[in-house]
Amino acid sequence: MSNVSESLAANGSTAALQIIGHFNLSLSGTWGATVTVERSWNQTDWFAVDTFTGNYEGVGFDAEEVFYRATVSGYASGTVVIRISDNRNFSAQDVFVQ
């Protein structure tokens, strides 16, 4: 599983992660800012996918092989811990399945 894990305490962007299929997004910490998840085909042109102003844990899916990153803007305080991970090699054995 590939991932990007960064702690940002200012405006800025994480490194990009190439994703296809399911992926995880985790935003944690004590922070005041806006985090925008962005997607790109070429790592030059970025498009907003979703925006968060608080901690978040979730799963997404992208059918195309593209790049994702998170960008912090409107930074006011604290540190936001951002983790994006690609589940490209996911199999049913990786989770509890009944």
C-alpha atoms as a PDB file:
ATOM      1  CA  MET A   1       0.000   0.000   0.000  1.00  0.00           C
ATOM      2  CA  SER A   2       1.421   3.374  -1.019  1.00  0.00           C
ATOM      3  CA  ASN A   3       0.712   6.465   1.036  1.00  0.00           C
ATOM      4  CA  VAL A   4       1.454  10.112   1.635  1.00  0.00           C
ATOM      5  CA  SER A   5       1.562  11.132   5.286  1.00  0.00           C
ATOM      6  CA  GLU A   6       2.378  14.734   6.185  1.00  0.00           C
ATOM      7  CA  SER A   7       1.820  17.187   9.024  1.00  0.00           C
ATOM      8  CA  LEU A   8       1.160  20.734   7.833  1.00  0.00           C
ATOM      9  CA  ALA A   9       1.227  23.777  10.122  1.00  0.00           C
ATOM     10  CA  ALA A  10       0.880  26.395   7.367  1.00  0.00           C
ATOM     11  CA  ASN A  11      -0.734  26.850   3.976  1.00  0.00           C
ATOM     12  CA  GLY A  12       0.640  24.352   1.462  1.00  0.00           C
ATOM     13  CA  SER A  13       0.133  21.033  -0.302  1.00  0.00           C
ATOM     14  CA  THR A  14       1.123  17.448   0.373  1.00  0.00           C
ATOM     15  CA  ALA A  15       3.065  15.414  -2.125  1.00  0.00           C
ATOM     16  CA  ALA A  16       0.913  13.803  -4.820  1.00  0.00           C
ATOM     17  CA  LEU A  17      -0.022  10.109  -4.707  1.00  0.00           C
ATOM     18  CA  GLN A  18      -1.014   8.126  -7.790  1.00  0.00           C
ATOM     19  CA  ILE A  19      -4.257   6.247  -7.099  1.00  0.00           C
ATOM     20  CA  ILE A  20      -6.522   3.791  -8.872  1.00  0.00           C
ATOM     21  CA  GLY A  21      -9.450   2.101  -7.156  1.00  0.00           C
ATOM     22  CA  HIS A  22     -10.153   2.472  -3.449  1.00  0.00           C
ATOM     23  CA  PHE A  23      -8.195   4.891  -1.281  1.00  0.00           C
ATOM     24  CA  ASN A  24      -8.281   6.159   2.298  1.00  0.00           C
ATOM     25  CA  LEU A  25      -8.224   9.745   3.524  1.00  0.00           C
ATOM     26  CA  SER A  26      -7.419  10.712   7.100  1.00  0.00           C
ATOM     27  CA  LEU A  27      -7.351  14.261   8.499  1.00  0.00           C
ATOM     28  CA  SER A  28      -6.496  14.526  12.186  1.00  0.00           C
ATOM     29  CA  GLY A  29      -4.983  16.822  14.774  1.00  0.00           C
ATOM     30  CA  THR A  30      -6.058  20.090  16.337  1.00  0.00           C
ATOM     31  CA  TRP A  31      -6.162  22.705  13.617  1.00  0.00           C
ATOM     32  CA  GLY A  32      -7.973  25.668  12.145  1.00  0.00           C
ATOM     33  CA  ALA A  33      -7.798  25.735   8.340  1.00  0.00           C
ATOM     34  CA  THR A  34      -9.470  24.507   5.188  1.00  0.00           C
ATOM     35  CA  VAL A  35      -8.210  21.306   3.571  1.00  0.00           C
ATOM     36  CA  THR A  36      -9.105  20.734  -0.059  1.00  0.00           C
ATOM     37  CA  VAL A  37      -8.558  17.312  -1.622  1.00  0.00           C
ATOM     38  CA  GLU A  38      -7.507  17.721  -5.238  1.00  0.00           C
ATOM     39  CA  ARG A  39      -7.141  15.405  -8.236  1.00  0.00           C
ATOM     40  CA  SER A  40      -4.978  15.699 -11.368  1.00  0.00           C
ATOM     41  CA  TRP A  41      -4.056  13.711 -14.461  1.00  0.00           C
ATOM     42  CA  ASN A  42      -0.754  15.524 -15.042  1.00  0.00           C
ATOM     43  CA  GLN A  43       0.278  16.971 -11.623  1.00  0.00           C
ATOM     44  CA  THR A  44       0.052  20.460 -13.163  1.00  0.00           C
ATOM     45  CA  ASP A  45      -3.677  21.101 -13.399  1.00  0.00           C
ATOM     46  CA  TRP A  46      -5.412  20.369 -10.063  1.00  0.00           C
ATOM     47  CA  PHE A  47      -9.171  20.120  -9.560  1.00  0.00           C
ATOM     48  CA  ALA A  48     -10.965  20.339  -6.185  1.00  0.00           C
ATOM     49  CA  VAL A  49     -12.760  17.137  -5.166  1.00  0.00           C
ATOM     50  CA  ASP A  50     -13.896  17.917  -1.596  1.00  0.00           C
ATOM     51  CA  THR A  51     -13.250  20.420   1.191  1.00  0.00           C
ATOM     52  CA  PHE A  52     -12.949  19.847   4.956  1.00  0.00           C
ATOM     53  CA  THR A  53     -12.696  22.121   7.998  1.00  0.00           C
ATOM     54  CA  GLY A  54     -12.395  19.399  10.648  1.00  0.00           C
ATOM     55  CA  ASN A  55     -11.009  15.927  11.263  1.00  0.00           C
ATOM     56  CA  TYR A  56     -12.202  13.238   8.867  1.00  0.00           C
ATOM     57  CA  GLU A  57     -11.784   9.503   8.206  1.00  0.00           C
ATOM     58  CA  GLY A  58     -13.140   8.083   4.977  1.00  0.00           C
ATOM     59  CA  VAL A  59     -12.749   5.926   1.913  1.00  0.00           C
ATOM     60  CA  GLY A  60     -12.983   6.986  -1.713  1.00  0.00           C
ATOM     61  CA  PHE A  61     -12.897   5.334  -5.113  1.00  0.00           C
ATOM     62  CA  ASP A  62     -11.492   6.484  -8.443  1.00  0.00           C
ATOM     63  CA  ALA A  63     -11.858   4.310 -11.537  1.00  0.00           C
ATOM     64  CA  GLU A  64      -9.073   6.153 -13.382  1.00  0.00           C
ATOM     65  CA  GLU A  65      -5.391   6.174 -12.500  1.00  0.00           C
ATOM     66  CA  VAL A  66      -4.891   9.763 -11.339  1.00  0.00           C
ATOM     67  CA  PHE A  67      -3.006  11.761  -8.726  1.00  0.00           C
ATOM     68  CA  TYR A  68      -4.450  13.048  -5.446  1.00  0.00           C
ATOM     69  CA  ARG A  69      -3.084  15.554  -2.954  1.00  0.00           C
ATOM     70  CA  ALA A  70      -4.415  17.698  -0.097  1.00  0.00           C
ATOM     71  CA  THR A  71      -3.964  21.465   0.073  1.00  0.00           C
ATOM     72  CA  VAL A  72      -4.220  23.538   3.256  1.00  0.00           C
ATOM     73  CA  SER A  73      -5.493  27.108   2.859  1.00  0.00           C
ATOM     74  CA  GLY A  74      -6.806  29.761   5.206  1.00  0.00           C
ATOM     75  CA  TYR A  75      -4.437  28.453   7.880  1.00  0.00           C
ATOM     76  CA  ALA A  76      -5.169  29.894  11.330  1.00  0.00           C
ATOM     77  CA  SER A  77      -3.659  27.512  13.907  1.00  0.00           C
ATOM     78  CA  GLY A  78      -2.412  24.066  14.859  1.00  0.00           C
ATOM     79  CA  THR A  79      -1.194  21.150  12.782  1.00  0.00           C
ATOM     80  CA  VAL A  80      -3.279  19.053  10.427  1.00  0.00           C
ATOM     81  CA  VAL A  81      -2.048  15.483   9.970  1.00  0.00           C
ATOM     82  CA  ILE A  82      -2.952  14.285   6.480  1.00  0.00           C
ATOM     83  CA  ARG A  83      -2.716  10.708   5.248  1.00  0.00           C
ATOM     84  CA  ILE A  84      -3.800   9.522   1.806  1.00  0.00           C
ATOM     85  CA  SER A  85      -3.289   5.835   1.056  1.00  0.00           C
ATOM     86  CA  ASP A  86      -3.887   3.763  -2.066  1.00  0.00           C
ATOM     87  CA  ASN A  87      -5.474   0.314  -1.705  1.00  0.00           C
ATOM     88  CA  ARG A  88      -4.418  -0.805  -5.177  1.00  0.00           C
ATOM     89  CA  ASN A  89      -3.488  -4.268  -3.866  1.00  0.00           C
ATOM     90  CA  PHE A  90      -6.675  -4.729  -1.809  1.00  0.00           C
ATOM     91  CA  SER A  91      -8.016  -8.254  -1.412  1.00  0.00           C
ATOM     92  CA  ALA A  92     -10.840  -9.672   0.700  1.00  0.00           C
ATOM     93  CA  GLN A  93      -8.244 -11.219   3.030  1.00  0.00           C
ATOM     94  CA  ASP A  94      -7.245  -7.706   4.176  1.00  0.00           C
ATOM     95  CA  VAL A  95     -10.447  -7.123   6.176  1.00  0.00           C
ATOM     96  CA  PHE A  96     -12.920  -9.073   8.280  1.00  0.00           C
ATOM     97  CA  VAL A  97     -15.368 -10.687   5.874  1.00  0.00           C
ATOM     98  CA  GLN A  98     -18.247 -12.898   7.074  1.00  0.00           C
END
